[in-house]
Amino acid sequence: MSAKSAINKDLFIPHDEKMLAAVQVKRRTKKKIPFLATGGQGDYMTYICLSVTNKKPTHVSITKVKQFEGSSSFVRRSQWSIDQLRQVNGIDPNRDSPEFDLMFDNAFDQWVAGSSGEKGTFVQVLHHTCQRYRADRKPEFVNCQSRLLGGNSILHSAADSVSSAVQKASQALNERGERLGRVEEKTGDMMNSAQQFADTAHKLAMKHKC
């Protein structure tokens, strides 16, 4: 089972929630730790997760989840309502980049995703979710590639693939129909030629008989 599937199973399903997307991240800048802070738990992996409740009224959350080194369990660390999200910064709209920022009412984090593709999928799903569940005060999506903000591009891509397959199948059928038409035409010509040959042979036979 993948880490994201395990997070959904351990943290969201028991609370009657469904995880829509998750991205593994690291901070771009080290967070300042108070001088007196002690007792750290060592290295850890961080995931930013987007989830929605199954029951209405629907509640959408963005949750920071950590998995500490040597542990198989996941821990919720921070959580925000999607209504608290103010801005998503994709950093560079002209090229694939794993970097992005999330700004909330009371927090601001600068992240680097495991890959630009993983970041792109998360931003795409987050944008679609905001369009669906935020009636007003929608967050800003700045410096994001336009293909990520064109509605639900995942579904559009799937639809395009299906449409392309249908067009190819239709073209193949048309070509097959044309080939069958040519075969039928040639068959008709051959039958006409055979009939003409038979008629000619019959006339010759009758002539010789006379």
N, C-alpha and C. Protein backbone atom coordinates (compact mmCIF):
# COMPACT_ATOMS: atom_id res chain seq x y z
N MET A 1 0.84 -1.19 0.00
CA MET A 1 0.00 0.00 0.00
C MET A 1 0.88 1.25 0.00
N SER A 2 0.56 2.21 -0.86
CA SER A 2 1.34 3.43 -0.93
C SER A 2 1.11 4.29 0.31
N ALA A 3 2.02 5.24 0.55
CA ALA A 3 1.89 6.12 1.71
C ALA A 3 0.59 6.91 1.65
N LYS A 4 0.22 7.39 0.47
CA LYS A 4 -1.00 8.20 0.35
C LYS A 4 -2.25 7.37 0.62
N SER A 5 -2.25 6.13 0.15
CA SER A 5 -3.38 5.24 0.43
C SER A 5 -3.47 4.95 1.92
N ALA A 6 -2.30 4.78 2.56
CA ALA A 6 -2.27 4.52 4.00
C ALA A 6 -2.78 5.72 4.79
N ILE A 7 -2.41 6.93 4.35
CA ILE A 7 -2.89 8.15 5.02
C ILE A 7 -4.41 8.23 4.94
N ASN A 8 -4.94 7.98 3.76
CA ASN A 8 -6.39 8.02 3.58
C ASN A 8 -7.07 6.99 4.48
N LYS A 9 -6.51 5.79 4.52
CA LYS A 9 -7.09 4.69 5.31
C LYS A 9 -7.01 4.97 6.81
N ASP A 10 -5.87 5.50 7.27
CA ASP A 10 -5.64 5.67 8.71
C ASP A 10 -6.24 6.96 9.28
N LEU A 11 -6.20 8.05 8.49
CA LEU A 11 -6.57 9.35 9.05
C LEU A 11 -7.91 9.90 8.57
N PHE A 12 -8.30 9.58 7.36
CA PHE A 12 -9.50 10.23 6.81
C PHE A 12 -10.73 9.32 6.79
N ILE A 13 -10.58 8.10 6.34
CA ILE A 13 -11.74 7.20 6.28
C ILE A 13 -12.39 7.00 7.64
N PRO A 14 -11.61 6.83 8.74
CA PRO A 14 -12.25 6.66 10.06
C PRO A 14 -13.10 7.85 10.49
N HIS A 15 -12.84 9.04 9.92
CA HIS A 15 -13.61 10.24 10.26
C HIS A 15 -14.65 10.55 9.18
N ASP A 16 -14.96 9.55 8.37
CA ASP A 16 -15.95 9.69 7.30
C ASP A 16 -15.56 10.81 6.33
N GLU A 17 -14.27 10.85 6.00
CA GLU A 17 -13.75 11.81 5.03
C GLU A 17 -13.13 11.06 3.86
N LYS A 18 -12.97 11.76 2.76
CA LYS A 18 -12.33 11.19 1.58
C LYS A 18 -11.18 12.10 1.18
N MET A 19 -10.00 11.52 1.02
CA MET A 19 -8.85 12.30 0.60
C MET A 19 -8.90 12.49 -0.92
N LEU A 20 -8.87 13.73 -1.35
CA LEU A 20 -8.95 14.04 -2.78
C LEU A 20 -7.58 14.08 -3.44
N ALA A 21 -6.58 14.54 -2.69
CA ALA A 21 -5.22 14.64 -3.25
C ALA A 21 -4.24 14.79 -2.10
N ALA A 22 -2.99 14.43 -2.38
CA ALA A 22 -1.93 14.59 -1.39
C ALA A 22 -0.61 14.77 -2.12
N VAL A 23 0.28 15.54 -1.52
CA VAL A 23 1.58 15.78 -2.13
C VAL A 23 2.64 15.72 -1.03
N GLN A 24 3.71 14.96 -1.28
CA GLN A 24 4.81 14.90 -0.32
C GLN A 24 5.68 16.14 -0.53
N VAL A 25 6.04 16.81 0.55
CA VAL A 25 6.74 18.08 0.44
C VAL A 25 7.90 18.19 1.43
N LYS A 26 8.76 19.16 1.14
CA LYS A 26 9.79 19.61 2.07
C LYS A 26 9.76 21.13 2.07
N ARG A 27 10.19 21.73 3.15
CA ARG A 27 10.23 23.19 3.21
C ARG A 27 11.36 23.73 2.34
N ARG A 28 11.08 24.84 1.65
CA ARG A 28 12.14 25.50 0.87
C ARG A 28 13.07 26.26 1.79
N THR A 29 12.52 26.78 2.86
CA THR A 29 13.34 27.50 3.84
C THR A 29 13.14 26.86 5.20
N LYS A 30 14.20 26.74 5.95
CA LYS A 30 14.10 26.13 7.27
C LYS A 30 13.28 27.00 8.20
N LYS A 31 12.37 26.34 8.92
CA LYS A 31 11.53 27.07 9.86
C LYS A 31 12.33 27.37 11.12
N LYS A 32 12.21 28.60 11.61
CA LYS A 32 12.94 28.98 12.82
C LYS A 32 12.35 28.26 14.03
N ILE A 33 13.23 27.62 14.79
CA ILE A 33 12.79 26.88 15.98
C ILE A 33 13.18 27.68 17.21
N PRO A 34 12.26 27.89 18.15
CA PRO A 34 12.59 28.64 19.37
C PRO A 34 13.82 28.06 20.06
N PHE A 35 14.61 28.94 20.67
CA PHE A 35 15.88 28.55 21.28
C PHE A 35 15.69 27.47 22.35
N LEU A 36 14.57 27.53 23.08
CA LEU A 36 14.34 26.60 24.18
C LEU A 36 13.66 25.31 23.73
N ALA A 37 13.32 25.21 22.46
CA ALA A 37 12.63 24.01 22.00
C ALA A 37 13.56 22.81 22.05
N THR A 38 13.12 21.75 22.67
CA THR A 38 13.91 20.52 22.78
C THR A 38 13.01 19.32 22.56
N GLY A 39 13.63 18.17 22.54
CA GLY A 39 12.83 16.95 22.46
C GLY A 39 12.29 16.66 21.09
N GLY A 40 13.01 17.06 20.02
CA GLY A 40 12.55 16.78 18.67
C GLY A 40 12.48 15.29 18.41
N GLN A 41 11.63 14.90 17.46
CA GLN A 41 11.41 13.48 17.20
C GLN A 41 12.21 12.98 16.00
N GLY A 42 13.21 13.74 15.57
CA GLY A 42 14.06 13.28 14.48
C GLY A 42 13.49 13.61 13.12
N ASP A 43 14.04 12.93 12.10
CA ASP A 43 13.60 13.20 10.73
C ASP A 43 12.17 12.72 10.51
N TYR A 44 11.54 13.33 9.52
CA TYR A 44 10.15 12.96 9.21
C TYR A 44 9.84 13.33 7.77
N MET A 45 8.76 12.76 7.28
CA MET A 45 8.24 13.10 5.96
C MET A 45 6.95 13.87 6.15
N THR A 46 6.73 14.86 5.29
CA THR A 46 5.55 15.72 5.40
C THR A 46 4.68 15.58 4.16
N TYR A 47 3.39 15.53 4.38
CA TYR A 47 2.41 15.46 3.29
C TYR A 47 1.37 16.56 3.49
N ILE A 48 0.99 17.22 2.40
CA ILE A 48 -0.12 18.16 2.43
C ILE A 48 -1.30 17.45 1.77
N CYS A 49 -2.39 17.31 2.52
CA CYS A 49 -3.53 16.51 2.05
C CYS A 49 -4.78 17.37 1.91
N LEU A 50 -5.54 17.10 0.88
CA LEU A 50 -6.82 17.77 0.64
C LEU A 50 -7.92 16.74 0.82
N SER A 51 -8.89 17.05 1.68
CA SER A 51 -9.94 16.07 1.97
C SER A 51 -11.30 16.74 2.04
N VAL A 52 -12.34 15.92 1.91
CA VAL A 52 -13.72 16.42 1.97
C VAL A 52 -14.55 15.42 2.76
N THR A 53 -15.50 15.94 3.54
CA THR A 53 -16.38 15.07 4.31
C THR A 53 -17.39 14.40 3.39
N ASN A 54 -17.80 13.20 3.75
CA ASN A 54 -18.78 12.48 2.93
C ASN A 54 -20.21 12.97 3.19
N LYS A 55 -20.45 13.45 4.41
CA LYS A 55 -21.79 13.90 4.76
C LYS A 55 -21.92 15.41 4.59
N LYS A 56 -23.13 15.85 4.31
CA LYS A 56 -23.41 17.28 4.19
C LYS A 56 -23.82 17.84 5.55
N PRO A 57 -23.53 19.11 5.84
CA PRO A 57 -22.87 20.07 4.95
C PRO A 57 -21.41 19.70 4.71
N THR A 58 -21.00 19.82 3.47
CA THR A 58 -19.66 19.41 3.07
C THR A 58 -18.61 20.33 3.68
N HIS A 59 -17.56 19.73 4.20
CA HIS A 59 -16.45 20.49 4.78
C HIS A 59 -15.16 20.03 4.11
N VAL A 60 -14.43 20.98 3.53
CA VAL A 60 -13.17 20.67 2.85
C VAL A 60 -12.01 21.18 3.69
N SER A 61 -11.00 20.33 3.85
CA SER A 61 -9.86 20.68 4.70
C SER A 61 -8.53 20.45 3.99
N ILE A 62 -7.55 21.23 4.39
CA ILE A 62 -6.16 21.02 3.98
C ILE A 62 -5.39 20.68 5.24
N THR A 63 -4.77 19.51 5.25
CA THR A 63 -4.15 18.99 6.46
C THR A 63 -2.67 18.69 6.24
N LYS A 64 -1.86 19.10 7.20
CA LYS A 64 -0.43 18.76 7.17
C LYS A 64 -0.25 17.48 7.98
N VAL A 65 0.29 16.46 7.33
CA VAL A 65 0.46 15.15 7.95
C VAL A 65 1.95 14.81 7.98
N LYS A 66 2.39 14.23 9.10
CA LYS A 66 3.79 13.84 9.21
C LYS A 66 3.93 12.36 9.56
N GLN A 67 5.01 11.79 9.07
CA GLN A 67 5.39 10.42 9.43
C GLN A 67 6.83 10.47 9.91
N PHE A 68 7.04 10.18 11.18
CA PHE A 68 8.37 10.28 11.76
C PHE A 68 9.20 9.05 11.46
N GLU A 69 10.50 9.25 11.38
CA GLU A 69 11.43 8.18 11.05
C GLU A 69 11.29 7.02 12.02
N GLY A 70 11.21 5.81 11.47
CA GLY A 70 11.10 4.62 12.30
C GLY A 70 9.67 4.28 12.69
N SER A 71 8.71 5.10 12.27
CA SER A 71 7.31 4.84 12.60
C SER A 71 6.51 4.57 11.34
N SER A 72 5.55 3.66 11.45
CA SER A 72 4.69 3.35 10.30
C SER A 72 3.38 4.13 10.35
N SER A 73 3.18 4.89 11.42
CA SER A 73 1.93 5.63 11.58
C SER A 73 2.07 7.07 11.08
N PHE A 74 0.93 7.68 10.80
CA PHE A 74 0.88 9.06 10.33
C PHE A 74 0.16 9.92 11.37
N VAL A 75 0.59 11.18 11.47
CA VAL A 75 0.06 12.07 12.50
C VAL A 75 -0.41 13.37 11.87
N ARG A 76 -1.63 13.80 12.22
CA ARG A 76 -2.10 15.12 11.80
C ARG A 76 -1.37 16.17 12.62
N ARG A 77 -0.80 17.18 11.94
CA ARG A 77 -0.08 18.23 12.66
C ARG A 77 -0.81 19.56 12.63
N SER A 78 -1.27 19.96 11.47
CA SER A 78 -2.01 21.23 11.34
C SER A 78 -3.13 21.01 10.34
N GLN A 79 -4.20 21.79 10.52
CA GLN A 79 -5.33 21.64 9.60
C GLN A 79 -6.01 22.99 9.41
N TRP A 80 -6.39 23.26 8.15
CA TRP A 80 -7.09 24.50 7.82
C TRP A 80 -8.34 24.16 7.02
N SER A 81 -9.37 24.95 7.21
CA SER A 81 -10.53 24.87 6.34
C SER A 81 -10.17 25.51 5.01
N ILE A 82 -10.79 25.04 3.94
CA ILE A 82 -10.50 25.62 2.63
C ILE A 82 -10.91 27.09 2.59
N ASP A 83 -11.82 27.50 3.49
CA ASP A 83 -12.23 28.90 3.57
C ASP A 83 -11.10 29.79 4.08
N GLN A 84 -10.10 29.19 4.75
CA GLN A 84 -8.97 29.96 5.27
C GLN A 84 -7.85 30.13 4.25
N LEU A 85 -7.96 29.42 3.13
CA LEU A 85 -6.93 29.51 2.09
C LEU A 85 -7.09 30.82 1.33
N ARG A 86 -6.02 31.59 1.25
CA ARG A 86 -6.06 32.89 0.58
C ARG A 86 -5.34 32.90 -0.76
N GLN A 87 -4.23 32.16 -0.84
CA GLN A 87 -3.47 32.21 -2.09
C GLN A 87 -2.67 30.93 -2.29
N VAL A 88 -2.61 30.51 -3.56
CA VAL A 88 -1.74 29.41 -3.98
C VAL A 88 -0.79 29.99 -5.02
N ASN A 89 0.49 29.93 -4.74
CA ASN A 89 1.50 30.50 -5.64
C ASN A 89 2.28 29.37 -6.29
N GLY A 90 2.15 29.26 -7.62
CA GLY A 90 2.85 28.20 -8.35
C GLY A 90 4.28 28.54 -8.70
N ILE A 91 4.75 29.74 -8.33
CA ILE A 91 6.13 30.22 -8.47
C ILE A 91 6.50 30.57 -9.91
N ASP A 92 6.27 29.66 -10.86
CA ASP A 92 6.69 29.92 -12.25
C ASP A 92 5.63 29.40 -13.22
N PRO A 93 4.93 30.31 -13.93
CA PRO A 93 3.88 29.87 -14.85
C PRO A 93 4.40 29.38 -16.20
N ASN A 94 5.71 29.52 -16.43
CA ASN A 94 6.27 29.23 -17.76
C ASN A 94 7.02 27.91 -17.84
N ARG A 95 7.20 27.24 -16.72
CA ARG A 95 7.92 25.97 -16.76
C ARG A 95 7.45 25.08 -15.61
N ASP A 96 7.71 23.78 -15.76
CA ASP A 96 7.39 22.84 -14.69
C ASP A 96 8.32 23.09 -13.51
N SER A 97 7.74 23.20 -12.34
CA SER A 97 8.53 23.46 -11.14
C SER A 97 7.88 22.76 -9.95
N PRO A 98 8.66 22.14 -9.07
CA PRO A 98 8.08 21.46 -7.91
C PRO A 98 7.75 22.41 -6.76
N GLU A 99 8.09 23.68 -6.90
CA GLU A 99 7.92 24.64 -5.80
C GLU A 99 6.53 25.27 -5.82
N PHE A 100 5.99 25.51 -4.63
CA PHE A 100 4.72 26.23 -4.51
C PHE A 100 4.57 26.75 -3.08
N ASP A 101 3.73 27.79 -2.94
CA ASP A 101 3.46 28.38 -1.63
C ASP A 101 1.97 28.29 -1.33
N LEU A 102 1.65 28.13 -0.06
CA LEU A 102 0.26 28.17 0.40
C LEU A 102 0.13 29.25 1.46
N MET A 103 -0.80 30.17 1.25
CA MET A 103 -1.03 31.24 2.21
C MET A 103 -2.43 31.11 2.80
N PHE A 104 -2.49 31.02 4.14
CA PHE A 104 -3.76 30.95 4.86
C PHE A 104 -3.95 32.23 5.67
N ASP A 105 -5.08 32.33 6.33
CA ASP A 105 -5.34 33.50 7.17
C ASP A 105 -4.25 33.67 8.24
N ASN A 106 -3.78 32.55 8.77
CA ASN A 106 -2.85 32.62 9.90
C ASN A 106 -1.56 31.84 9.68
N ALA A 107 -1.25 31.53 8.43
CA ALA A 107 -0.03 30.75 8.17
C ALA A 107 0.43 30.97 6.74
N PHE A 108 1.74 30.78 6.55
CA PHE A 108 2.33 30.89 5.21
C PHE A 108 3.47 29.89 5.13
N ASP A 109 3.40 28.97 4.16
CA ASP A 109 4.43 27.95 4.02
C ASP A 109 4.95 27.91 2.59
N GLN A 110 6.26 27.70 2.46
CA GLN A 110 6.92 27.58 1.17
C GLN A 110 7.40 26.14 1.02
N TRP A 111 6.90 25.46 -0.02
CA TRP A 111 7.14 24.03 -0.15
C TRP A 111 7.86 23.67 -1.44
N VAL A 112 8.48 22.50 -1.41
CA VAL A 112 9.02 21.86 -2.61
C VAL A 112 8.43 20.45 -2.65
N ALA A 113 7.71 20.14 -3.71
CA ALA A 113 7.10 18.82 -3.84
C ALA A 113 8.13 17.79 -4.29
N GLY A 114 7.76 16.52 -4.20
CA GLY A 114 8.67 15.47 -4.63
C GLY A 114 8.99 15.54 -6.11
N SER A 115 8.06 16.09 -6.90
CA SER A 115 8.27 16.27 -8.34
C SER A 115 7.32 17.34 -8.83
N SER A 116 7.63 17.92 -9.99
CA SER A 116 6.75 18.94 -10.56
C SER A 116 5.40 18.33 -10.96
N GLY A 117 5.41 17.06 -11.38
CA GLY A 117 4.16 16.40 -11.74
C GLY A 117 3.25 16.21 -10.54
N GLU A 118 3.84 15.84 -9.41
CA GLU A 118 3.07 15.64 -8.18
C GLU A 118 2.47 16.97 -7.71
N LYS A 119 3.28 18.03 -7.78
CA LYS A 119 2.78 19.36 -7.44
C LYS A 119 1.65 19.77 -8.38
N GLY A 120 1.85 19.54 -9.69
CA GLY A 120 0.85 19.94 -10.67
C GLY A 120 -0.49 19.27 -10.43
N THR A 121 -0.47 17.98 -10.12
CA THR A 121 -1.72 17.26 -9.86
C THR A 121 -2.42 17.82 -8.63
N PHE A 122 -1.64 18.11 -7.58
CA PHE A 122 -2.22 18.65 -6.34
C PHE A 122 -2.85 20.02 -6.59
N VAL A 123 -2.12 20.91 -7.28
CA VAL A 123 -2.63 22.25 -7.56
C VAL A 123 -3.88 22.17 -8.42
N GLN A 124 -3.87 21.28 -9.39
CA GLN A 124 -5.02 21.11 -10.28
C GLN A 124 -6.26 20.68 -9.52
N VAL A 125 -6.12 19.68 -8.66
CA VAL A 125 -7.26 19.19 -7.88
C VAL A 125 -7.70 20.25 -6.87
N LEU A 126 -6.74 20.96 -6.27
CA LEU A 126 -7.07 22.01 -5.31
C LEU A 126 -7.86 23.13 -5.98
N HIS A 127 -7.45 23.53 -7.17
CA HIS A 127 -8.15 24.59 -7.89
C HIS A 127 -9.58 24.16 -8.23
N HIS A 128 -9.72 22.94 -8.73
CA HIS A 128 -11.04 22.43 -9.08
C HIS A 128 -11.94 22.36 -7.84
N THR A 129 -11.36 21.94 -6.71
CA THR A 129 -12.12 21.83 -5.46
C THR A 129 -12.57 23.20 -4.98
N CYS A 130 -11.70 24.20 -5.09
CA CYS A 130 -12.06 25.57 -4.68
C CYS A 130 -13.20 26.10 -5.56
N GLN A 131 -13.14 25.81 -6.86
CA GLN A 131 -14.19 26.27 -7.76
C GLN A 131 -15.52 25.61 -7.42
N ARG A 132 -15.46 24.40 -6.94
CA ARG A 132 -16.69 23.65 -6.65
C ARG A 132 -17.28 23.99 -5.29
N TYR A 133 -16.42 24.16 -4.28
CA TYR A 133 -16.93 24.29 -2.91
C TYR A 133 -16.83 25.70 -2.33
N ARG A 134 -16.13 26.61 -2.99
CA ARG A 134 -16.04 27.98 -2.48
C ARG A 134 -16.98 28.87 -3.29
N ALA A 135 -18.08 29.25 -2.69
CA ALA A 135 -19.06 30.08 -3.41
C ALA A 135 -18.56 31.52 -3.56
N ASP A 136 -17.86 32.02 -2.56
CA ASP A 136 -17.34 33.38 -2.62
C ASP A 136 -15.93 33.41 -2.01
N ARG A 137 -15.26 34.53 -2.17
CA ARG A 137 -13.90 34.71 -1.66
C ARG A 137 -12.99 33.54 -2.06
N LYS A 138 -13.04 33.21 -3.33
CA LYS A 138 -12.17 32.14 -3.82
C LYS A 138 -10.70 32.57 -3.70
N PRO A 139 -9.82 31.66 -3.34
CA PRO A 139 -8.40 32.02 -3.20
C PRO A 139 -7.77 32.36 -4.55
N GLU A 140 -6.71 33.14 -4.50
CA GLU A 140 -5.97 33.47 -5.72
C GLU A 140 -5.06 32.30 -6.09
N PHE A 141 -4.99 32.02 -7.37
CA PHE A 141 -4.00 31.07 -7.89
C PHE A 141 -3.09 31.88 -8.80
N VAL A 142 -1.88 32.18 -8.31
CA VAL A 142 -0.97 33.05 -9.05
C VAL A 142 0.26 32.26 -9.49
N ASN A 143 0.83 32.68 -10.61
CA ASN A 143 2.04 32.06 -11.15
C ASN A 143 1.89 30.55 -11.38
N CYS A 144 0.66 30.14 -11.74
CA CYS A 144 0.40 28.73 -12.02
C CYS A 144 0.26 28.54 -13.53
N GLN A 145 0.71 27.41 -14.02
CA GLN A 145 0.57 27.11 -15.45
C GLN A 145 -0.91 27.05 -15.82
N SER A 146 -1.25 27.64 -16.95
CA SER A 146 -2.66 27.75 -17.35
C SER A 146 -3.33 26.39 -17.50
N ARG A 147 -2.56 25.38 -17.91
CA ARG A 147 -3.16 24.05 -18.11
C ARG A 147 -3.66 23.45 -16.79
N LEU A 148 -3.13 23.94 -15.66
CA LEU A 148 -3.56 23.43 -14.37
C LEU A 148 -4.86 24.07 -13.90
N LEU A 149 -5.22 25.21 -14.50
CA LEU A 149 -6.37 25.96 -14.03
C LEU A 149 -7.53 25.93 -15.00
N GLY A 150 -7.43 25.12 -16.03
CA GLY A 150 -8.48 25.08 -17.05
C GLY A 150 -9.59 24.13 -16.68
N GLY A 151 -10.18 24.27 -15.52
CA GLY A 151 -11.22 23.35 -15.08
C GLY A 151 -10.59 22.06 -14.65
N ASN A 152 -11.34 20.99 -14.75
CA ASN A 152 -10.82 19.68 -14.37
C ASN A 152 -10.08 19.08 -15.55
N SER A 153 -8.80 19.46 -15.69
CA SER A 153 -8.02 19.05 -16.85
C SER A 153 -7.84 17.55 -16.92
N ILE A 154 -7.87 16.88 -15.77
CA ILE A 154 -7.72 15.42 -15.77
C ILE A 154 -8.87 14.79 -16.53
N LEU A 155 -10.10 15.29 -16.23
CA LEU A 155 -11.27 14.75 -16.92
C LEU A 155 -11.25 15.16 -18.39
N HIS A 156 -10.81 16.41 -18.65
CA HIS A 156 -10.73 16.86 -20.04
C HIS A 156 -9.77 15.99 -20.83
N SER A 157 -8.64 15.64 -20.22
CA SER A 157 -7.65 14.81 -20.91
C SER A 157 -8.24 13.43 -21.20
N ALA A 158 -8.96 12.89 -20.21
CA ALA A 158 -9.59 11.59 -20.42
C ALA A 158 -10.63 11.67 -21.53
N ALA A 159 -11.41 12.76 -21.51
CA ALA A 159 -12.43 12.93 -22.56
C ALA A 159 -11.79 13.07 -23.93
N ASP A 160 -10.67 13.82 -23.98
CA ASP A 160 -9.96 13.98 -25.25
C ASP A 160 -9.45 12.64 -25.75
N SER A 161 -8.95 11.81 -24.83
CA SER A 161 -8.44 10.50 -25.21
C SER A 161 -9.56 9.63 -25.78
N VAL A 162 -10.71 9.66 -25.11
CA VAL A 162 -11.86 8.88 -25.58
C VAL A 162 -12.31 9.38 -26.94
N SER A 163 -12.39 10.72 -27.07
CA SER A 163 -12.82 11.31 -28.34
C SER A 163 -11.87 10.93 -29.47
N SER A 164 -10.56 10.96 -29.17
CA SER A 164 -9.56 10.60 -30.17
C SER A 164 -9.72 9.14 -30.58
N ALA A 165 -9.97 8.27 -29.59
CA ALA A 165 -10.14 6.85 -29.89
C ALA A 165 -11.37 6.62 -30.76
N VAL A 166 -12.46 7.36 -30.44
CA VAL A 166 -13.69 7.22 -31.23
C VAL A 166 -13.45 7.68 -32.67
N GLN A 167 -12.73 8.81 -32.81
CA GLN A 167 -12.44 9.32 -34.15
C GLN A 167 -11.61 8.33 -34.96
N LYS A 168 -10.61 7.73 -34.30
CA LYS A 168 -9.77 6.75 -34.99
C LYS A 168 -10.58 5.53 -35.41
N ALA A 169 -11.47 5.08 -34.49
CA ALA A 169 -12.30 3.92 -34.81
C ALA A 169 -13.24 4.23 -35.96
N SER A 170 -13.81 5.45 -35.92
CA SER A 170 -14.73 5.86 -36.99
C SER A 170 -13.99 5.94 -38.33
N GLN A 171 -12.77 6.50 -38.29
CA GLN A 171 -11.97 6.60 -39.51
C GLN A 171 -11.65 5.21 -40.06
N ALA A 172 -11.31 4.29 -39.13
CA ALA A 172 -10.98 2.93 -39.56
C ALA A 172 -12.20 2.26 -40.20
N LEU A 173 -13.39 2.49 -39.61
CA LEU A 173 -14.60 1.91 -40.17
C LEU A 173 -14.91 2.49 -41.54
N ASN A 174 -14.69 3.82 -41.66
CA ASN A 174 -14.93 4.46 -42.96
C ASN A 174 -14.00 3.90 -44.02
N GLU A 175 -12.71 3.76 -43.63
CA GLU A 175 -11.74 3.21 -44.58
C GLU A 175 -12.10 1.78 -44.95
N ARG A 176 -12.55 1.03 -43.92
CA ARG A 176 -12.95 -0.36 -44.19
C ARG A 176 -14.17 -0.38 -45.11
N GLY A 177 -15.11 0.57 -44.85
CA GLY A 177 -16.29 0.64 -45.70
C GLY A 177 -15.94 0.96 -47.13
N GLU A 178 -14.95 1.90 -47.28
CA GLU A 178 -14.52 2.25 -48.64
C GLU A 178 -13.89 1.05 -49.33
N ARG A 179 -13.07 0.29 -48.57
CA ARG A 179 -12.43 -0.89 -49.15
C ARG A 179 -13.47 -1.93 -49.54
N LEU A 180 -14.47 -2.13 -48.65
CA LEU A 180 -15.53 -3.08 -48.96
C LEU A 180 -16.32 -2.62 -50.19
N GLY A 181 -16.52 -1.29 -50.27
CA GLY A 181 -17.24 -0.76 -51.43
C GLY A 181 -16.49 -1.03 -52.72
N ARG A 182 -15.15 -0.84 -52.66
CA ARG A 182 -14.34 -1.09 -53.86
C ARG A 182 -14.36 -2.57 -54.22
N VAL A 183 -14.32 -3.44 -53.20
CA VAL A 183 -14.37 -4.89 -53.45
C VAL A 183 -15.70 -5.27 -54.09
N GLU A 184 -16.80 -4.69 -53.53
CA GLU A 184 -18.12 -4.99 -54.10
C GLU A 184 -18.21 -4.50 -55.55
N GLU A 185 -17.62 -3.31 -55.80
CA GLU A 185 -17.64 -2.77 -57.16
C GLU A 185 -16.87 -3.67 -58.12
N LYS A 186 -15.68 -4.12 -57.67
CA LYS A 186 -14.88 -5.02 -58.51
C LYS A 186 -15.60 -6.34 -58.73
N THR A 187 -16.25 -6.82 -57.66
CA THR A 187 -16.99 -8.09 -57.77
C THR A 187 -18.11 -7.95 -58.79
N GLY A 188 -18.79 -6.79 -58.74
CA GLY A 188 -19.87 -6.54 -59.70
C GLY A 188 -19.34 -6.51 -61.13
N ASP A 189 -18.18 -5.85 -61.31
CA ASP A 189 -17.58 -5.79 -62.65
C ASP A 189 -17.22 -7.18 -63.15
N MET A 190 -16.67 -8.00 -62.24
CA MET A 190 -16.28 -9.35 -62.62
C MET A 190 -17.51 -10.18 -63.00
N MET A 191 -18.59 -9.98 -62.22
CA MET A 191 -19.82 -10.72 -62.52
C MET A 191 -20.38 -10.30 -63.88
N ASN A 192 -20.33 -8.99 -64.15
CA ASN A 192 -20.81 -8.50 -65.45
C ASN A 192 -19.96 -9.08 -66.58
N SER A 193 -18.64 -9.09 -66.37
CA SER A 193 -17.74 -9.64 -67.40
C SER A 193 -18.02 -11.12 -67.61
N ALA A 194 -18.24 -11.83 -66.51
CA ALA A 194 -18.53 -13.26 -66.61
C ALA A 194 -19.83 -13.50 -67.36
N GLN A 195 -20.82 -12.65 -67.08
CA GLN A 195 -22.11 -12.81 -67.75
C GLN A 195 -21.97 -12.52 -69.24
N GLN A 196 -21.19 -11.45 -69.55
CA GLN A 196 -20.97 -11.13 -70.96
C GLN A 196 -20.24 -12.27 -71.68
N PHE A 197 -19.25 -12.87 -70.99
CA PHE A 197 -18.51 -13.99 -71.57
C PHE A 197 -19.44 -15.18 -71.81
N ALA A 198 -20.32 -15.41 -70.82
CA ALA A 198 -21.26 -16.53 -70.95
C ALA A 198 -22.21 -16.30 -72.12
N ASP A 199 -22.70 -15.06 -72.25
CA ASP A 199 -23.61 -14.74 -73.36
C ASP A 199 -22.91 -14.92 -74.71
N THR A 200 -21.67 -14.44 -74.77
CA THR A 200 -20.91 -14.56 -76.03
C THR A 200 -20.67 -16.03 -76.37
N ALA A 201 -20.30 -16.82 -75.36
CA ALA A 201 -20.05 -18.25 -75.58
C ALA A 201 -21.32 -18.95 -76.03
N HIS A 202 -22.45 -18.55 -75.45
CA HIS A 202 -23.73 -19.16 -75.82
C HIS A 202 -24.07 -18.84 -77.27
N LYS A 203 -23.85 -17.58 -77.67
CA LYS A 203 -24.14 -17.17 -79.05
C LYS A 203 -23.26 -17.94 -80.04
N LEU A 204 -21.96 -18.08 -79.69
CA LEU A 204 -21.05 -18.83 -80.57
C LEU A 204 -21.47 -20.28 -80.69
N ALA A 205 -21.89 -20.85 -79.56
CA ALA A 205 -22.32 -22.25 -79.59
C ALA A 205 -23.55 -22.42 -80.46
N MET A 206 -24.49 -21.50 -80.37
CA MET A 206 -25.70 -21.57 -81.18
C MET A 206 -25.37 -21.38 -82.66
N LYS A 207 -24.39 -20.51 -82.95
CA LYS A 207 -24.00 -20.25 -84.34
C LYS A 207 -23.40 -21.49 -84.97
N HIS A 208 -22.49 -22.16 -84.21
CA HIS A 208 -21.86 -23.36 -84.74
C HIS A 208 -22.87 -24.50 -84.89
N LYS A 209 -23.86 -24.53 -84.01
CA LYS A 209 -24.87 -25.58 -84.08
C LYS A 209 -25.70 -25.42 -85.35
N CYS A 210 -25.92 -24.18 -85.71
CA CYS A 210 -26.69 -23.94 -86.93
C CYS A 210 -25.87 -24.30 -88.16
